[in-house]
Amino acid sequence: MTPGRRTLIFHRLDEILPDVDRLLQGHATVGQWSLGQMCRHLSTVFQATADRPAPASEDHDPAKYAPEDQKRSFFESGVTPEGNPTPPGMEVPEGLDDREEAEALRKALAHYTASPGPAMHHPRFGPLSRAQWDHFHCIH
């Protein structure tokens, strides 16, 4: 782990925004992204999870997903490994305003929470239940 990086453990989605609000009061980043960039990335992921449809049955290829033991290991560990490249379409620009992006994250999380349930498949883990998606977002 990068020296100085916090270990985050969220058990419920409603624990995320209070932490962001605390960080808005003052923080130092140790990685490559600003707080605004992190919030933008998370907003994008919440929005996509709520809005993207499941793949058509002919586009669903279980062979492209990680093996079940890797999926289980991710969820049991509760940690997103460092150094994973940002997936295409999830990159974030520099120079974002922390407060504006925190507010966008607040709206995206509310949108996700109010949605009928994620239909999209996770790019690495495939189909996930709502509880698994919630757990993913708490880890991510």
N, C-alpha and C. Protein backbone atom coordinates (compact mmCIF):
# COMPACT_ATOMS: atom_id res chain seq x y z
N MET A 1 0.85 -1.17 0.00
CA MET A 1 0.00 0.00 0.00
C MET A 1 0.90 1.24 0.00
N THR A 2 0.46 2.25 -0.72
CA THR A 2 1.18 3.50 -0.76
C THR A 2 1.30 4.07 0.65
N PRO A 3 2.53 4.45 1.07
CA PRO A 3 2.67 5.03 2.41
C PRO A 3 1.75 6.23 2.61
N GLY A 4 1.09 6.27 3.75
CA GLY A 4 0.18 7.36 4.07
C GLY A 4 -1.25 7.15 3.61
N ARG A 5 -1.48 6.14 2.77
CA ARG A 5 -2.84 5.88 2.28
C ARG A 5 -3.68 5.26 3.39
N ARG A 6 -4.92 5.71 3.50
CA ARG A 6 -5.84 5.18 4.50
C ARG A 6 -6.44 3.87 4.01
N THR A 7 -6.72 2.99 4.95
CA THR A 7 -7.51 1.81 4.65
C THR A 7 -8.96 2.18 4.90
N LEU A 8 -9.77 2.11 3.86
CA LEU A 8 -11.18 2.47 3.98
C LEU A 8 -12.01 1.21 4.11
N ILE A 9 -12.92 1.24 5.04
CA ILE A 9 -13.86 0.13 5.18
C ILE A 9 -15.25 0.74 5.37
N PHE A 10 -16.08 0.58 4.34
CA PHE A 10 -17.47 1.02 4.41
C PHE A 10 -18.33 -0.24 4.37
N HIS A 11 -19.24 -0.33 5.32
CA HIS A 11 -20.15 -1.47 5.37
C HIS A 11 -21.48 -1.17 4.68
N ARG A 12 -21.78 0.13 4.57
CA ARG A 12 -23.03 0.55 3.95
C ARG A 12 -22.76 1.78 3.08
N LEU A 13 -23.56 1.96 2.06
CA LEU A 13 -23.39 3.09 1.17
C LEU A 13 -23.53 4.43 1.89
N ASP A 14 -24.37 4.47 2.92
CA ASP A 14 -24.58 5.75 3.61
C ASP A 14 -23.39 6.17 4.48
N GLU A 15 -22.33 5.38 4.49
CA GLU A 15 -21.11 5.76 5.21
C GLU A 15 -20.13 6.53 4.32
N ILE A 16 -20.37 6.53 3.02
CA ILE A 16 -19.42 7.13 2.07
C ILE A 16 -19.42 8.65 2.14
N LEU A 17 -20.58 9.27 2.02
CA LEU A 17 -20.64 10.73 1.93
C LEU A 17 -20.18 11.45 3.20
N PRO A 18 -20.46 10.92 4.40
CA PRO A 18 -19.89 11.59 5.58
C PRO A 18 -18.36 11.63 5.55
N ASP A 19 -17.74 10.61 4.99
CA ASP A 19 -16.29 10.62 4.87
C ASP A 19 -15.84 11.67 3.86
N VAL A 20 -16.54 11.77 2.74
CA VAL A 20 -16.22 12.80 1.74
C VAL A 20 -16.39 14.18 2.37
N ASP A 21 -17.46 14.39 3.11
CA ASP A 21 -17.69 15.69 3.76
C ASP A 21 -16.56 16.01 4.73
N ARG A 22 -16.08 15.02 5.45
CA ARG A 22 -14.96 15.24 6.36
C ARG A 22 -13.71 15.63 5.58
N LEU A 23 -13.47 14.97 4.46
CA LEU A 23 -12.30 15.28 3.64
C LEU A 23 -12.37 16.69 3.06
N LEU A 24 -13.58 17.17 2.78
CA LEU A 24 -13.73 18.54 2.27
C LEU A 24 -13.29 19.58 3.29
N GLN A 25 -13.28 19.22 4.57
CA GLN A 25 -12.84 20.14 5.61
C GLN A 25 -11.32 20.28 5.65
N GLY A 26 -10.62 19.34 5.04
CA GLY A 26 -9.16 19.38 4.99
C GLY A 26 -8.60 17.98 4.82
N HIS A 27 -7.67 17.83 3.90
CA HIS A 27 -7.08 16.53 3.63
C HIS A 27 -5.79 16.72 2.83
N ALA A 28 -5.04 15.66 2.75
CA ALA A 28 -3.88 15.60 1.87
C ALA A 28 -3.99 14.30 1.09
N THR A 29 -3.74 14.36 -0.21
CA THR A 29 -3.78 13.14 -1.01
C THR A 29 -2.36 12.60 -1.16
N VAL A 30 -2.26 11.28 -1.26
CA VAL A 30 -0.95 10.64 -1.41
C VAL A 30 -0.82 9.94 -2.76
N GLY A 31 -1.92 9.79 -3.46
CA GLY A 31 -1.89 9.14 -4.77
C GLY A 31 -1.83 10.19 -5.87
N GLN A 32 -2.24 9.78 -7.05
CA GLN A 32 -2.13 10.65 -8.22
C GLN A 32 -3.39 11.48 -8.47
N TRP A 33 -4.51 11.13 -7.83
CA TRP A 33 -5.76 11.83 -8.09
C TRP A 33 -6.10 12.76 -6.95
N SER A 34 -6.74 13.89 -7.30
CA SER A 34 -7.28 14.81 -6.30
C SER A 34 -8.60 14.25 -5.77
N LEU A 35 -9.10 14.85 -4.70
CA LEU A 35 -10.40 14.45 -4.17
C LEU A 35 -11.48 14.64 -5.24
N GLY A 36 -11.41 15.73 -5.98
CA GLY A 36 -12.38 15.97 -7.05
C GLY A 36 -12.35 14.87 -8.10
N GLN A 37 -11.15 14.42 -8.48
CA GLN A 37 -11.04 13.35 -9.46
C GLN A 37 -11.61 12.04 -8.92
N MET A 38 -11.33 11.76 -7.65
CA MET A 38 -11.88 10.54 -7.05
C MET A 38 -13.40 10.59 -7.02
N CYS A 39 -13.95 11.73 -6.64
CA CYS A 39 -15.42 11.87 -6.60
C CYS A 39 -16.01 11.73 -8.00
N ARG A 40 -15.35 12.33 -9.01
CA ARG A 40 -15.86 12.21 -10.38
C ARG A 40 -15.87 10.75 -10.83
N HIS A 41 -14.79 10.04 -10.54
CA HIS A 41 -14.71 8.63 -10.93
C HIS A 41 -15.83 7.83 -10.27
N LEU A 42 -16.00 8.02 -8.97
CA LEU A 42 -17.06 7.29 -8.26
C LEU A 42 -18.44 7.68 -8.78
N SER A 43 -18.66 8.95 -9.06
CA SER A 43 -19.94 9.39 -9.62
C SER A 43 -20.23 8.69 -10.94
N THR A 44 -19.21 8.62 -11.79
CA THR A 44 -19.35 7.97 -13.09
C THR A 44 -19.72 6.50 -12.92
N VAL A 45 -19.07 5.83 -11.97
CA VAL A 45 -19.34 4.41 -11.75
C VAL A 45 -20.75 4.21 -11.19
N PHE A 46 -21.15 5.01 -10.21
CA PHE A 46 -22.51 4.89 -9.67
C PHE A 46 -23.54 5.12 -10.77
N GLN A 47 -23.33 6.16 -11.57
CA GLN A 47 -24.27 6.50 -12.64
C GLN A 47 -24.36 5.36 -13.66
N ALA A 48 -23.21 4.84 -14.05
CA ALA A 48 -23.21 3.75 -15.03
C ALA A 48 -23.90 2.51 -14.47
N THR A 49 -23.64 2.22 -13.22
CA THR A 49 -24.24 1.04 -12.60
C THR A 49 -25.76 1.14 -12.60
N ALA A 50 -26.26 2.34 -12.35
CA ALA A 50 -27.70 2.54 -12.29
C ALA A 50 -28.34 2.57 -13.68
N ASP A 51 -27.61 3.08 -14.69
CA ASP A 51 -28.24 3.39 -15.97
C ASP A 51 -27.93 2.45 -17.13
N ARG A 52 -26.82 1.77 -17.09
CA ARG A 52 -26.48 0.91 -18.23
C ARG A 52 -27.28 -0.38 -18.18
N PRO A 53 -27.79 -0.79 -19.32
CA PRO A 53 -28.58 -2.03 -19.36
C PRO A 53 -27.68 -3.26 -19.32
N ALA A 54 -28.29 -4.38 -19.04
CA ALA A 54 -27.58 -5.66 -19.11
C ALA A 54 -27.25 -5.92 -20.57
N PRO A 55 -26.17 -6.64 -20.82
CA PRO A 55 -25.84 -6.95 -22.21
C PRO A 55 -26.90 -7.87 -22.83
N ALA A 56 -27.05 -7.75 -24.12
CA ALA A 56 -27.94 -8.67 -24.83
C ALA A 56 -27.42 -10.08 -24.64
N SER A 57 -28.32 -11.04 -24.65
CA SER A 57 -27.91 -12.42 -24.38
C SER A 57 -26.82 -12.89 -25.33
N GLU A 58 -26.83 -12.43 -26.57
CA GLU A 58 -25.80 -12.85 -27.51
C GLU A 58 -24.45 -12.19 -27.22
N ASP A 59 -24.46 -11.09 -26.45
CA ASP A 59 -23.21 -10.41 -26.09
C ASP A 59 -22.66 -10.88 -24.75
N HIS A 60 -23.42 -11.69 -24.04
CA HIS A 60 -23.00 -12.17 -22.72
C HIS A 60 -22.07 -13.37 -22.88
N ASP A 61 -20.81 -13.17 -22.51
CA ASP A 61 -19.81 -14.23 -22.65
C ASP A 61 -19.16 -14.47 -21.29
N PRO A 62 -19.62 -15.47 -20.53
CA PRO A 62 -19.06 -15.74 -19.21
C PRO A 62 -17.55 -16.00 -19.23
N ALA A 63 -17.00 -16.40 -20.36
CA ALA A 63 -15.56 -16.68 -20.44
C ALA A 63 -14.72 -15.42 -20.27
N LYS A 64 -15.32 -14.23 -20.46
CA LYS A 64 -14.53 -13.00 -20.34
C LYS A 64 -14.44 -12.49 -18.89
N TYR A 65 -15.16 -13.12 -17.98
CA TYR A 65 -15.16 -12.68 -16.59
C TYR A 65 -14.11 -13.44 -15.78
N ALA A 66 -13.70 -12.82 -14.68
CA ALA A 66 -12.73 -13.45 -13.77
C ALA A 66 -13.33 -14.74 -13.21
N PRO A 67 -12.48 -15.70 -12.89
CA PRO A 67 -12.99 -16.93 -12.27
C PRO A 67 -13.71 -16.63 -10.95
N GLU A 68 -14.64 -17.50 -10.60
CA GLU A 68 -15.46 -17.31 -9.40
C GLU A 68 -14.61 -17.14 -8.14
N ASP A 69 -13.47 -17.85 -8.04
CA ASP A 69 -12.64 -17.73 -6.84
C ASP A 69 -12.02 -16.33 -6.74
N GLN A 70 -11.70 -15.69 -7.87
CA GLN A 70 -11.18 -14.32 -7.83
C GLN A 70 -12.26 -13.33 -7.42
N LYS A 71 -13.45 -13.55 -7.92
CA LYS A 71 -14.60 -12.70 -7.53
C LYS A 71 -14.84 -12.83 -6.03
N ARG A 72 -14.88 -14.06 -5.54
CA ARG A 72 -15.10 -14.30 -4.12
C ARG A 72 -13.99 -13.66 -3.29
N SER A 73 -12.75 -13.80 -3.73
CA SER A 73 -11.61 -13.22 -3.02
C SER A 73 -11.72 -11.70 -2.92
N PHE A 74 -12.13 -11.06 -4.02
CA PHE A 74 -12.31 -9.61 -4.01
C PHE A 74 -13.33 -9.20 -2.95
N PHE A 75 -14.49 -9.85 -2.98
CA PHE A 75 -15.54 -9.47 -2.04
C PHE A 75 -15.19 -9.81 -0.60
N GLU A 76 -14.48 -10.89 -0.38
CA GLU A 76 -14.08 -11.26 0.98
C GLU A 76 -12.97 -10.37 1.51
N SER A 77 -12.06 -9.95 0.65
CA SER A 77 -10.94 -9.11 1.10
C SER A 77 -11.41 -7.70 1.45
N GLY A 78 -12.41 -7.21 0.73
CA GLY A 78 -12.89 -5.85 0.98
C GLY A 78 -11.94 -4.78 0.50
N VAL A 79 -11.01 -5.13 -0.38
CA VAL A 79 -9.98 -4.19 -0.82
C VAL A 79 -9.89 -4.19 -2.35
N THR A 80 -9.83 -3.00 -2.92
CA THR A 80 -9.52 -2.88 -4.33
C THR A 80 -8.01 -2.80 -4.46
N PRO A 81 -7.40 -3.70 -5.18
CA PRO A 81 -5.93 -3.66 -5.30
C PRO A 81 -5.46 -2.35 -5.92
N GLU A 82 -4.34 -1.85 -5.42
CA GLU A 82 -3.74 -0.64 -5.99
C GLU A 82 -3.14 -0.94 -7.35
N GLY A 83 -3.06 0.09 -8.17
CA GLY A 83 -2.36 -0.04 -9.43
C GLY A 83 -3.18 -0.56 -10.58
N ASN A 84 -4.47 -0.82 -10.35
CA ASN A 84 -5.31 -1.26 -11.46
C ASN A 84 -5.47 -0.09 -12.44
N PRO A 85 -5.30 -0.33 -13.72
CA PRO A 85 -5.49 0.78 -14.67
C PRO A 85 -6.96 1.20 -14.69
N THR A 86 -7.18 2.47 -14.94
CA THR A 86 -8.54 2.98 -15.04
C THR A 86 -9.14 2.45 -16.34
N PRO A 87 -10.31 1.81 -16.26
CA PRO A 87 -10.92 1.28 -17.49
C PRO A 87 -11.22 2.39 -18.50
N PRO A 88 -11.20 2.06 -19.78
CA PRO A 88 -11.56 3.05 -20.80
C PRO A 88 -12.93 3.64 -20.51
N GLY A 89 -13.04 4.94 -20.68
CA GLY A 89 -14.29 5.63 -20.43
C GLY A 89 -14.46 6.08 -18.99
N MET A 90 -13.55 5.67 -18.11
CA MET A 90 -13.64 6.04 -16.70
C MET A 90 -12.52 7.00 -16.28
N GLU A 91 -11.73 7.45 -17.24
CA GLU A 91 -10.65 8.39 -16.93
C GLU A 91 -11.27 9.71 -16.46
N VAL A 92 -10.50 10.47 -15.69
CA VAL A 92 -11.00 11.75 -15.19
C VAL A 92 -9.99 12.85 -15.50
N PRO A 93 -10.49 14.05 -15.82
CA PRO A 93 -9.58 15.15 -16.12
C PRO A 93 -8.97 15.74 -14.85
N GLU A 94 -7.92 16.48 -15.00
CA GLU A 94 -7.31 17.20 -13.88
C GLU A 94 -8.06 18.52 -13.67
N GLY A 95 -7.80 19.15 -12.54
CA GLY A 95 -8.32 20.49 -12.28
C GLY A 95 -9.77 20.55 -11.88
N LEU A 96 -10.33 19.47 -11.37
CA LEU A 96 -11.73 19.46 -10.96
C LEU A 96 -11.88 20.09 -9.58
N ASP A 97 -13.00 20.74 -9.37
CA ASP A 97 -13.30 21.36 -8.09
C ASP A 97 -13.81 20.30 -7.11
N ASP A 98 -13.14 20.17 -5.97
CA ASP A 98 -13.50 19.14 -4.99
C ASP A 98 -14.96 19.24 -4.55
N ARG A 99 -15.41 20.43 -4.22
CA ARG A 99 -16.78 20.59 -3.71
C ARG A 99 -17.84 20.30 -4.78
N GLU A 100 -17.60 20.76 -6.00
CA GLU A 100 -18.54 20.48 -7.08
C GLU A 100 -18.63 18.98 -7.35
N GLU A 101 -17.49 18.32 -7.34
CA GLU A 101 -17.48 16.88 -7.62
C GLU A 101 -18.06 16.09 -6.46
N ALA A 102 -17.89 16.56 -5.23
CA ALA A 102 -18.51 15.91 -4.07
C ALA A 102 -20.02 16.01 -4.17
N GLU A 103 -20.52 17.16 -4.63
CA GLU A 103 -21.97 17.32 -4.80
C GLU A 103 -22.48 16.42 -5.93
N ALA A 104 -21.71 16.29 -6.99
CA ALA A 104 -22.09 15.38 -8.08
C ALA A 104 -22.11 13.94 -7.59
N LEU A 105 -21.17 13.58 -6.73
CA LEU A 105 -21.14 12.24 -6.14
C LEU A 105 -22.39 12.03 -5.29
N ARG A 106 -22.76 13.03 -4.51
CA ARG A 106 -23.96 12.94 -3.68
C ARG A 106 -25.20 12.65 -4.55
N LYS A 107 -25.31 13.34 -5.68
CA LYS A 107 -26.44 13.14 -6.59
C LYS A 107 -26.38 11.76 -7.26
N ALA A 108 -25.19 11.35 -7.67
CA ALA A 108 -25.05 10.05 -8.33
C ALA A 108 -25.37 8.90 -7.37
N LEU A 109 -24.94 9.04 -6.14
CA LEU A 109 -25.23 8.00 -5.14
C LEU A 109 -26.73 7.95 -4.87
N ALA A 110 -27.39 9.11 -4.77
CA ALA A 110 -28.84 9.14 -4.57
C ALA A 110 -29.55 8.51 -5.77
N HIS A 111 -29.07 8.79 -6.96
CA HIS A 111 -29.65 8.22 -8.17
C HIS A 111 -29.51 6.70 -8.17
N TYR A 112 -28.32 6.22 -7.85
CA TYR A 112 -28.08 4.78 -7.77
C TYR A 112 -28.99 4.13 -6.73
N THR A 113 -29.06 4.73 -5.55
CA THR A 113 -29.84 4.18 -4.45
C THR A 113 -31.33 4.12 -4.82
N ALA A 114 -31.82 5.11 -5.56
CA ALA A 114 -33.24 5.15 -5.93
C ALA A 114 -33.55 4.30 -7.16
N SER A 115 -32.53 3.84 -7.84
CA SER A 115 -32.75 3.07 -9.07
C SER A 115 -33.34 1.70 -8.73
N PRO A 116 -34.05 1.09 -9.69
CA PRO A 116 -34.67 -0.21 -9.42
C PRO A 116 -33.66 -1.34 -9.24
N GLY A 117 -32.44 -1.09 -9.58
CA GLY A 117 -31.43 -2.13 -9.40
C GLY A 117 -30.52 -2.21 -10.60
N PRO A 118 -29.25 -2.41 -10.36
CA PRO A 118 -28.32 -2.49 -11.48
C PRO A 118 -28.65 -3.68 -12.39
N ALA A 119 -28.63 -3.42 -13.67
CA ALA A 119 -28.83 -4.48 -14.65
C ALA A 119 -27.52 -4.83 -15.34
N MET A 120 -26.64 -3.83 -15.44
CA MET A 120 -25.39 -4.06 -16.17
C MET A 120 -24.55 -5.11 -15.49
N HIS A 121 -23.73 -5.74 -16.25
CA HIS A 121 -22.78 -6.71 -15.71
C HIS A 121 -21.50 -5.99 -15.37
N HIS A 122 -20.86 -6.39 -14.30
CA HIS A 122 -19.57 -5.82 -13.94
C HIS A 122 -18.57 -6.25 -15.02
N PRO A 123 -17.72 -5.33 -15.48
CA PRO A 123 -16.79 -5.68 -16.56
C PRO A 123 -15.85 -6.83 -16.22
N ARG A 124 -15.56 -7.03 -14.95
CA ARG A 124 -14.64 -8.10 -14.57
C ARG A 124 -15.34 -9.30 -13.93
N PHE A 125 -16.41 -9.02 -13.17
CA PHE A 125 -17.05 -10.08 -12.40
C PHE A 125 -18.36 -10.59 -12.99
N GLY A 126 -18.85 -9.94 -14.03
CA GLY A 126 -20.09 -10.39 -14.67
C GLY A 126 -21.32 -9.97 -13.91
N PRO A 127 -22.39 -10.73 -14.02
CA PRO A 127 -23.64 -10.36 -13.35
C PRO A 127 -23.47 -10.33 -11.83
N LEU A 128 -23.99 -9.27 -11.21
CA LEU A 128 -23.96 -9.13 -9.76
C LEU A 128 -25.38 -8.82 -9.28
N SER A 129 -25.71 -9.30 -8.11
CA SER A 129 -26.98 -8.95 -7.48
C SER A 129 -26.88 -7.51 -6.96
N ARG A 130 -28.00 -6.95 -6.56
CA ARG A 130 -28.00 -5.59 -5.99
C ARG A 130 -27.11 -5.55 -4.74
N ALA A 131 -27.21 -6.56 -3.89
CA ALA A 131 -26.39 -6.60 -2.68
C ALA A 131 -24.90 -6.67 -3.04
N GLN A 132 -24.57 -7.43 -4.07
CA GLN A 132 -23.17 -7.50 -4.50
C GLN A 132 -22.70 -6.18 -5.08
N TRP A 133 -23.56 -5.51 -5.85
CA TRP A 133 -23.18 -4.19 -6.37
C TRP A 133 -22.98 -3.20 -5.23
N ASP A 134 -23.87 -3.22 -4.25
CA ASP A 134 -23.70 -2.32 -3.10
C ASP A 134 -22.37 -2.61 -2.41
N HIS A 135 -22.08 -3.88 -2.21
CA HIS A 135 -20.81 -4.26 -1.57
C HIS A 135 -19.63 -3.83 -2.43
N PHE A 136 -19.71 -4.02 -3.72
CA PHE A 136 -18.67 -3.55 -4.63
C PHE A 136 -18.42 -2.06 -4.44
N HIS A 137 -19.50 -1.27 -4.43
CA HIS A 137 -19.36 0.18 -4.31
C HIS A 137 -18.75 0.56 -2.95
N CYS A 138 -19.07 -0.17 -1.92
CA CYS A 138 -18.46 0.11 -0.60
C CYS A 138 -16.96 -0.18 -0.62
N ILE A 139 -16.56 -1.19 -1.36
CA ILE A 139 -15.14 -1.54 -1.46
C ILE A 139 -14.42 -0.56 -2.37
N HIS A 140 -15.05 -0.24 -3.50
CA HIS A 140 -14.44 0.59 -4.53
C HIS A 140 -14.24 2.01 -4.03
